[in-house]
Amino acid sequence: MSDRKAFDDIAPMEDADKYLERIGFEGKTDVSLECLNRLLAAHQRSVPFENIDVCDLGRNIDLSPAALFDKIVTQHRGGYCFELNGAFLHLLKALGFDVTPCYCRSIRNGVLGGISHRGVLVYLDGAVYFTDVGYGNIMSPKAILMEDGSVTVSGEVSFTVQHYAGSWYEIIGDSPYRINSAGELERIRKTDLVVSAELAVCADFEMFNDRFQGPLSGFRKKRWCIIQTPSGQKSITGSTYFLIEDGVLTKTPIADGAMRRQLMEKEFGLCFTDEQWALIESHTELM
């Protein structure tokens, strides 16, 4: 038994065809890097990073494949990293890819933080690739080769891998499309994530998921809604809608709840019942 099989607790997505329809994937699938990159880009551009269940609706996050499918496909919602990368993992498994979840950390102000993110490692043609459909910022729409010194380029954005320590590798993003603290575009090169090549299992992330939906979590204090596009990114922060398109940033004030709902439904593809929206709008401190 290989090491990965010993660690395998990944259930395949039961209805992969409907999930592919949800992310707008067209054509046949196969176990190839080209297909993996198409799946990755399609998911990033169809399913937003959002934390509305935790922040506004008071729901517990269920990471089971059935619950993820129901939320993302049936309810037409998004999710945060533990959900989105979990769902992508189960989808890739169903499509025949050799995959494992992986631990990720962040570096802030030069300090390495605790495990706070989940990615997906794909083992393909003798190489290991990092993929991420649940990062709340700009992330590579192509699989990143997990080798020291590798560079993955997509348009004007690049991601460089550097060995950090032990089994950990830095993913260093260089992008002219980051929104800085002043709300303006700026080219910034920084470590987005530190990723582990160690084997992990899905069960590991139940504990992290409980922590990040707990009462002290930042996900309960600030609402995020972000989606990638072929030419940039769309996001809502506070009472402003940010659109980055072909290197140009447009900021649109959100006048009221009706406009906010229209943006979330039209620009991010999210669906809410009237009862759910009333709860979201009741949190005026997060507007």
Foldseek 3Di string as FASTA:
>chain_A
DDPLVVQDPAAAQPCLVLVCVQLVHDDDADADQVRVLSVLLSLLFRAKEWLCCLAFVVDADDLDSVSLCCVCRVQVHHYAQLSSQSNVQNSCVNRPWRKFKWWKWAADPNRTDDGQGIWMWTQGPNWIWIGGSHQQFDDDSGTFTADAQGWDDDVQKIWHWHDDDDQKIWTWIFDQADQDPVRDGGTDIGGGIIIGPDGDHSVVCVVSSCVCSDPPHVSNVEIWIKGADSAGIWIDAQQWTWDQGNNDIDIDGRDDLVSVVVCCCPVNVGDDDPVSSVSVRVPNVRD
